Amino acid sequence: MGQNMQPDLAFRQVVLTPDTTTEVWWIPGLRVLIALAMLFRQTLLLAGVGITALYGYCVYRFGLFHMMDYLTFIGLAIFLIFSQINTKALLRLRLPILYLTLVIAFLWSAVEKLTFPQWFDPFLDKYSFLQMGFDREFYPLSAAFVEFALFYLILFGKNAVTIIAVPANVLIITGNIYFGKTDSIGHFPVNFVLVIMAVMGARGFAVFSGNGDGRIVVHAARQSALFFAFFGGLLLSYYSLHWIQYGV
């Protein structure tokens, strides 16, 4: 959008995130209805459907590849829908799906730092202190590794959810304080989900971690193979979706 756009107009045109904007007239009204629907348990399903509609519009407008960074919105929508349907089976699935979408979004973001590190140059130009003395080439690689390892452990590390969710939330909140109101509002759903993770722990979620193996060498080898297989599969998915959408 142009630099001369008035702030209120820019706000009305935001769909889900500051980088997803539109001039479609019904988007602001739908956002207001979603906010109102979330105030009452009886209308949580409508709020979830509304969030799904906004996400679907963004996929149509900006592509699934771009919106994979914001998969957490789908997890929140499903959480709201299942909360109103209120059957035992669906209630049990709410947290695992919410956790999973958040974790996948962060893992996708980590792969993005590995594959297109140049996308972060403008950000590092503005906030050069984040490099902490490291050179420009090393920083995105190291940041990607840390991010991928942390959220991989939430997914596959037995009883690691609470241990990792707390410091991850502290890091994001610290960034919110520095980067301002827009980041604080945008990251609030992420902060909220990480608080739930810290409180609830692996309850109903540690279905991927298994029960371990008494032989530490065998267990370590299996976990290492799983890590590289998962990383390779996610990297292949990233490049494949990029090729499908952009042809390069």
Protein backbone atom coordinates (compact mmCIF):
# COMPACT_ATOMS: atom_id res chain seq x y z
CA MET A 1 0.00 0.00 0.00
CA GLY A 2 1.16 3.58 -0.55
CA GLN A 3 3.09 5.48 2.08
CA ASN A 4 0.45 8.24 2.14
CA MET A 5 -2.32 5.90 3.27
CA GLN A 6 -4.05 7.07 6.41
CA PRO A 7 -3.48 4.75 9.42
CA ASP A 8 -7.21 4.06 9.92
CA LEU A 9 -7.63 3.06 6.27
CA ALA A 10 -4.61 0.75 6.47
CA PHE A 11 -6.08 -0.82 9.61
CA ARG A 12 -9.44 -1.40 7.94
CA GLN A 13 -7.74 -3.15 5.03
CA VAL A 14 -5.74 -5.64 7.09
CA VAL A 15 -7.15 -9.16 6.73
CA LEU A 16 -5.21 -11.23 9.28
CA THR A 17 -1.70 -9.78 9.45
CA PRO A 18 -0.07 -6.49 8.41
CA ASP A 19 1.29 -8.10 5.24
CA THR A 20 -2.15 -9.38 4.17
CA THR A 21 -4.18 -6.37 3.10
CA THR A 22 -7.11 -5.92 0.74
CA GLU A 23 -9.66 -3.38 -0.41
CA VAL A 24 -12.55 -5.88 -0.29
CA TRP A 25 -15.39 -4.10 1.49
CA TRP A 26 -16.69 -6.98 3.63
CA ILE A 27 -13.40 -7.82 5.39
CA PRO A 28 -13.63 -5.13 8.15
CA GLY A 29 -17.24 -6.09 8.93
CA LEU A 30 -16.36 -9.77 9.18
CA ARG A 31 -13.50 -9.00 11.56
CA VAL A 32 -15.88 -7.08 13.83
CA LEU A 33 -18.40 -9.96 13.78
CA ILE A 34 -15.65 -12.44 14.67
CA ALA A 35 -14.60 -10.30 17.64
CA LEU A 36 -18.21 -10.09 18.87
CA ALA A 37 -18.78 -13.83 18.36
CA MET A 38 -15.80 -14.67 20.55
CA LEU A 39 -17.44 -12.97 23.54
CA PHE A 40 -20.04 -15.73 23.95
CA ARG A 41 -19.62 -19.49 24.10
CA GLN A 42 -22.80 -19.95 22.06
CA THR A 43 -21.21 -18.19 19.07
CA LEU A 44 -17.66 -19.57 19.21
CA LEU A 45 -18.40 -21.76 16.20
CA LEU A 46 -19.26 -18.66 14.15
CA ALA A 47 -16.00 -17.02 15.23
CA GLY A 48 -14.06 -20.10 14.17
CA VAL A 49 -15.82 -20.24 10.81
CA GLY A 50 -15.14 -16.53 10.33
CA ILE A 51 -11.41 -16.94 11.02
CA THR A 52 -11.34 -19.87 8.60
CA ALA A 53 -13.04 -17.68 5.97
CA LEU A 54 -10.43 -14.94 6.42
CA TYR A 55 -7.62 -17.48 6.19
CA GLY A 56 -9.19 -19.03 3.10
CA TYR A 57 -9.44 -15.60 1.48
CA CYS A 58 -5.76 -14.99 2.25
CA VAL A 59 -4.82 -18.34 0.69
CA TYR A 60 -6.81 -17.34 -2.41
CA ARG A 61 -5.30 -13.85 -2.49
CA PHE A 62 -1.70 -14.48 -1.40
CA GLY A 63 -1.21 -18.23 -1.81
CA LEU A 64 -0.86 -21.17 0.58
CA PHE A 65 2.93 -20.87 0.58
CA HIS A 66 2.76 -17.39 2.14
CA MET A 67 0.03 -18.34 4.59
CA MET A 68 1.88 -21.35 6.01
CA ASP A 69 3.64 -18.86 8.28
CA TYR A 70 0.24 -18.14 9.84
CA LEU A 71 -1.12 -21.66 10.20
CA THR A 72 -1.79 -20.94 13.88
CA PHE A 73 -4.97 -19.10 12.81
CA ILE A 74 -6.38 -22.41 11.58
CA GLY A 75 -5.54 -24.01 14.91
CA LEU A 76 -7.35 -21.22 16.74
CA ALA A 77 -10.36 -21.53 14.44
CA ILE A 78 -10.59 -25.29 15.03
CA PHE A 79 -10.18 -24.74 18.77
CA LEU A 80 -13.15 -22.36 18.80
CA ILE A 81 -15.33 -24.60 16.63
CA PHE A 82 -14.63 -27.73 18.68
CA SER A 83 -15.23 -25.78 21.91
CA GLN A 84 -18.81 -25.08 20.93
CA ILE A 85 -19.56 -28.50 19.43
CA ASN A 86 -18.48 -29.79 22.86
CA THR A 87 -18.22 -33.55 22.29
CA LYS A 88 -15.68 -35.51 24.30
CA ALA A 89 -13.70 -36.63 21.25
CA LEU A 90 -13.45 -33.16 19.74
CA LEU A 91 -12.63 -31.52 23.06
CA ARG A 92 -9.68 -33.90 23.40
CA LEU A 93 -8.43 -32.86 19.97
CA ARG A 94 -8.56 -29.09 20.60
CA LEU A 95 -5.19 -28.69 22.28
CA PRO A 96 -3.22 -31.13 20.07
CA ILE A 97 -4.42 -29.36 16.92
CA LEU A 98 -3.74 -25.92 18.42
CA TYR A 99 -0.24 -26.98 19.48
CA LEU A 100 0.48 -28.68 16.16
CA THR A 101 -0.46 -25.72 13.97
CA LEU A 102 1.68 -23.37 16.06
CA VAL A 103 4.66 -25.72 15.96
CA ILE A 104 4.39 -26.27 12.20
CA ALA A 105 4.19 -22.50 11.61
CA PHE A 106 7.43 -21.96 13.53
CA LEU A 107 9.16 -24.90 11.84
CA TRP A 108 8.09 -23.48 8.46
CA SER A 109 9.51 -20.11 9.47
CA ALA A 110 12.80 -21.77 10.43
CA VAL A 111 13.08 -23.46 7.04
CA GLU A 112 12.33 -20.09 5.43
CA LYS A 113 15.39 -18.59 7.13
CA LEU A 114 17.53 -21.39 5.69
CA THR A 115 16.21 -21.26 2.16
CA PHE A 116 15.79 -17.50 1.68
CA PRO A 117 18.11 -15.79 4.19
CA GLN A 118 18.23 -12.68 1.99
CA TRP A 119 14.58 -11.97 2.86
CA PHE A 120 15.75 -10.95 6.33
CA ASP A 121 18.38 -8.45 5.17
CA PRO A 122 16.05 -5.40 5.45
CA PHE A 123 15.11 -6.46 8.97
CA LEU A 124 18.76 -6.87 9.99
CA ASP A 125 19.62 -3.56 8.34
CA LYS A 126 17.11 -1.90 10.64
CA TYR A 127 17.96 -3.92 13.76
CA SER A 128 21.62 -4.76 13.29
CA PHE A 129 22.11 -5.38 17.02
CA LEU A 130 20.28 -8.70 16.61
CA GLN A 131 23.34 -10.13 14.86
CA MET A 132 25.20 -9.98 18.21
CA GLY A 133 28.49 -9.57 16.39
CA PHE A 134 27.95 -12.49 14.00
CA ASP A 135 28.30 -11.92 10.27
CA ARG A 136 25.25 -11.52 8.05
CA GLU A 137 25.56 -14.98 6.46
CA PHE A 138 25.85 -16.85 9.75
CA TYR A 139 23.03 -15.16 11.64
CA PRO A 140 19.96 -16.48 9.72
CA LEU A 141 21.44 -19.98 9.65
CA SER A 142 22.01 -20.03 13.40
CA ALA A 143 18.60 -18.47 14.09
CA ALA A 144 16.96 -21.07 11.86
CA PHE A 145 18.70 -23.95 13.63
CA VAL A 146 17.73 -22.70 17.10
CA GLU A 147 14.11 -22.10 16.06
CA PHE A 148 13.80 -25.45 14.31
CA ALA A 149 15.40 -27.41 17.15
CA LEU A 150 13.26 -25.78 19.85
CA PHE A 151 9.93 -26.36 18.16
CA TYR A 152 10.93 -29.80 16.90
CA LEU A 153 11.50 -30.75 20.54
CA ILE A 154 8.03 -29.49 21.45
CA LEU A 155 6.64 -31.87 18.83
CA PHE A 156 8.83 -34.92 19.42
CA GLY A 157 10.62 -34.36 22.72
CA LYS A 158 9.00 -36.26 25.55
CA ASN A 159 7.84 -33.88 28.31
CA ALA A 160 9.68 -30.95 26.69
CA VAL A 161 6.61 -28.82 26.06
CA THR A 162 6.61 -26.80 29.29
CA ILE A 163 10.41 -26.51 29.42
CA ILE A 164 10.53 -24.95 25.96
CA ALA A 165 7.23 -23.02 25.93
CA VAL A 166 8.22 -20.75 28.82
CA PRO A 167 11.54 -19.42 27.44
CA ALA A 168 10.08 -19.23 23.91
CA ASN A 169 7.29 -17.04 25.22
CA VAL A 170 9.74 -14.84 27.12
CA LEU A 171 11.79 -14.32 23.95
CA ILE A 172 8.73 -13.36 21.91
CA ILE A 173 7.41 -11.01 24.60
CA THR A 174 10.82 -9.35 24.84
CA GLY A 175 10.74 -8.81 21.09
CA ASN A 176 7.23 -7.39 21.35
CA ILE A 177 8.39 -4.82 23.89
CA TYR A 178 11.17 -3.67 21.60
CA PHE A 179 9.43 -3.83 18.21
CA GLY A 180 6.25 -2.09 19.35
CA LYS A 181 2.47 -2.28 19.27
CA THR A 182 2.04 -3.97 15.89
CA ASP A 183 4.24 -6.91 16.87
CA SER A 184 2.58 -7.14 20.29
CA ILE A 185 -0.90 -7.39 18.77
CA GLY A 186 0.21 -9.75 16.01
CA HIS A 187 2.01 -12.11 18.37
CA PHE A 188 -0.67 -12.14 21.05
CA PRO A 189 -2.30 -15.38 19.77
CA VAL A 190 1.15 -17.02 19.75
CA ASN A 191 1.87 -15.82 23.29
CA PHE A 192 -1.54 -17.09 24.38
CA VAL A 193 -0.97 -20.57 22.91
CA LEU A 194 2.51 -20.77 24.47
CA VAL A 195 1.01 -19.91 27.87
CA ILE A 196 -1.46 -22.77 27.41
CA MET A 197 1.46 -25.05 26.50
CA ALA A 198 3.38 -24.00 29.60
CA VAL A 199 0.39 -24.65 31.88
CA MET A 200 -0.97 -27.82 30.27
CA GLY A 201 2.36 -29.33 29.29
CA ALA A 202 2.35 -32.41 27.10
CA ARG A 203 -1.12 -33.48 28.23
CA GLY A 204 -2.84 -34.99 25.21
CA PHE A 205 -0.08 -33.84 22.88
CA ALA A 206 3.07 -35.96 23.35
CA VAL A 207 1.78 -38.56 20.93
CA PHE A 208 4.85 -38.36 18.70
CA SER A 209 7.54 -38.84 21.31
CA GLY A 210 7.12 -42.55 22.06
CA ASN A 211 8.24 -44.26 25.23
CA GLY A 212 11.96 -44.26 24.59
CA ASP A 213 14.29 -47.26 24.62
CA GLY A 214 16.32 -48.72 27.44
CA ARG A 215 19.38 -48.87 25.17
CA ILE A 216 20.56 -45.28 24.98
CA VAL A 217 22.60 -45.78 21.80
CA VAL A 218 19.64 -47.27 19.93
CA HIS A 219 17.32 -44.55 21.19
CA ALA A 220 19.78 -41.79 20.25
CA ALA A 221 20.27 -43.26 16.77
CA ARG A 222 16.53 -43.53 16.22
CA GLN A 223 15.88 -39.99 17.38
CA SER A 224 18.71 -38.63 15.21
CA ALA A 225 17.33 -40.44 12.17
CA LEU A 226 13.86 -39.09 12.94
CA PHE A 227 15.19 -35.54 13.20
CA PHE A 228 16.93 -35.62 9.82
CA ALA A 229 14.03 -37.43 8.15
CA PHE A 230 11.55 -34.87 9.47
CA PHE A 231 13.79 -31.97 8.50
CA GLY A 232 14.28 -33.41 5.02
CA GLY A 233 10.54 -33.96 4.59
CA LEU A 234 9.71 -30.42 5.67
CA LEU A 235 12.42 -28.97 3.41
CA LEU A 236 11.07 -30.97 0.47
CA SER A 237 7.53 -29.77 1.25
CA TYR A 238 8.75 -26.17 1.40
CA TYR A 239 10.49 -26.28 -1.96
CA SER A 240 7.64 -28.26 -3.54
CA LEU A 241 4.97 -25.79 -2.45
CA HIS A 242 7.15 -22.88 -3.57
CA TRP A 243 7.56 -24.51 -6.99
CA ILE A 244 3.83 -25.25 -7.29
CA GLN A 245 2.90 -21.66 -6.51
CA TYR A 246 5.70 -19.73 -8.20
CA GLY A 247 7.15 -22.22 -10.67
CA VAL A 248 10.74 -21.67 -9.49
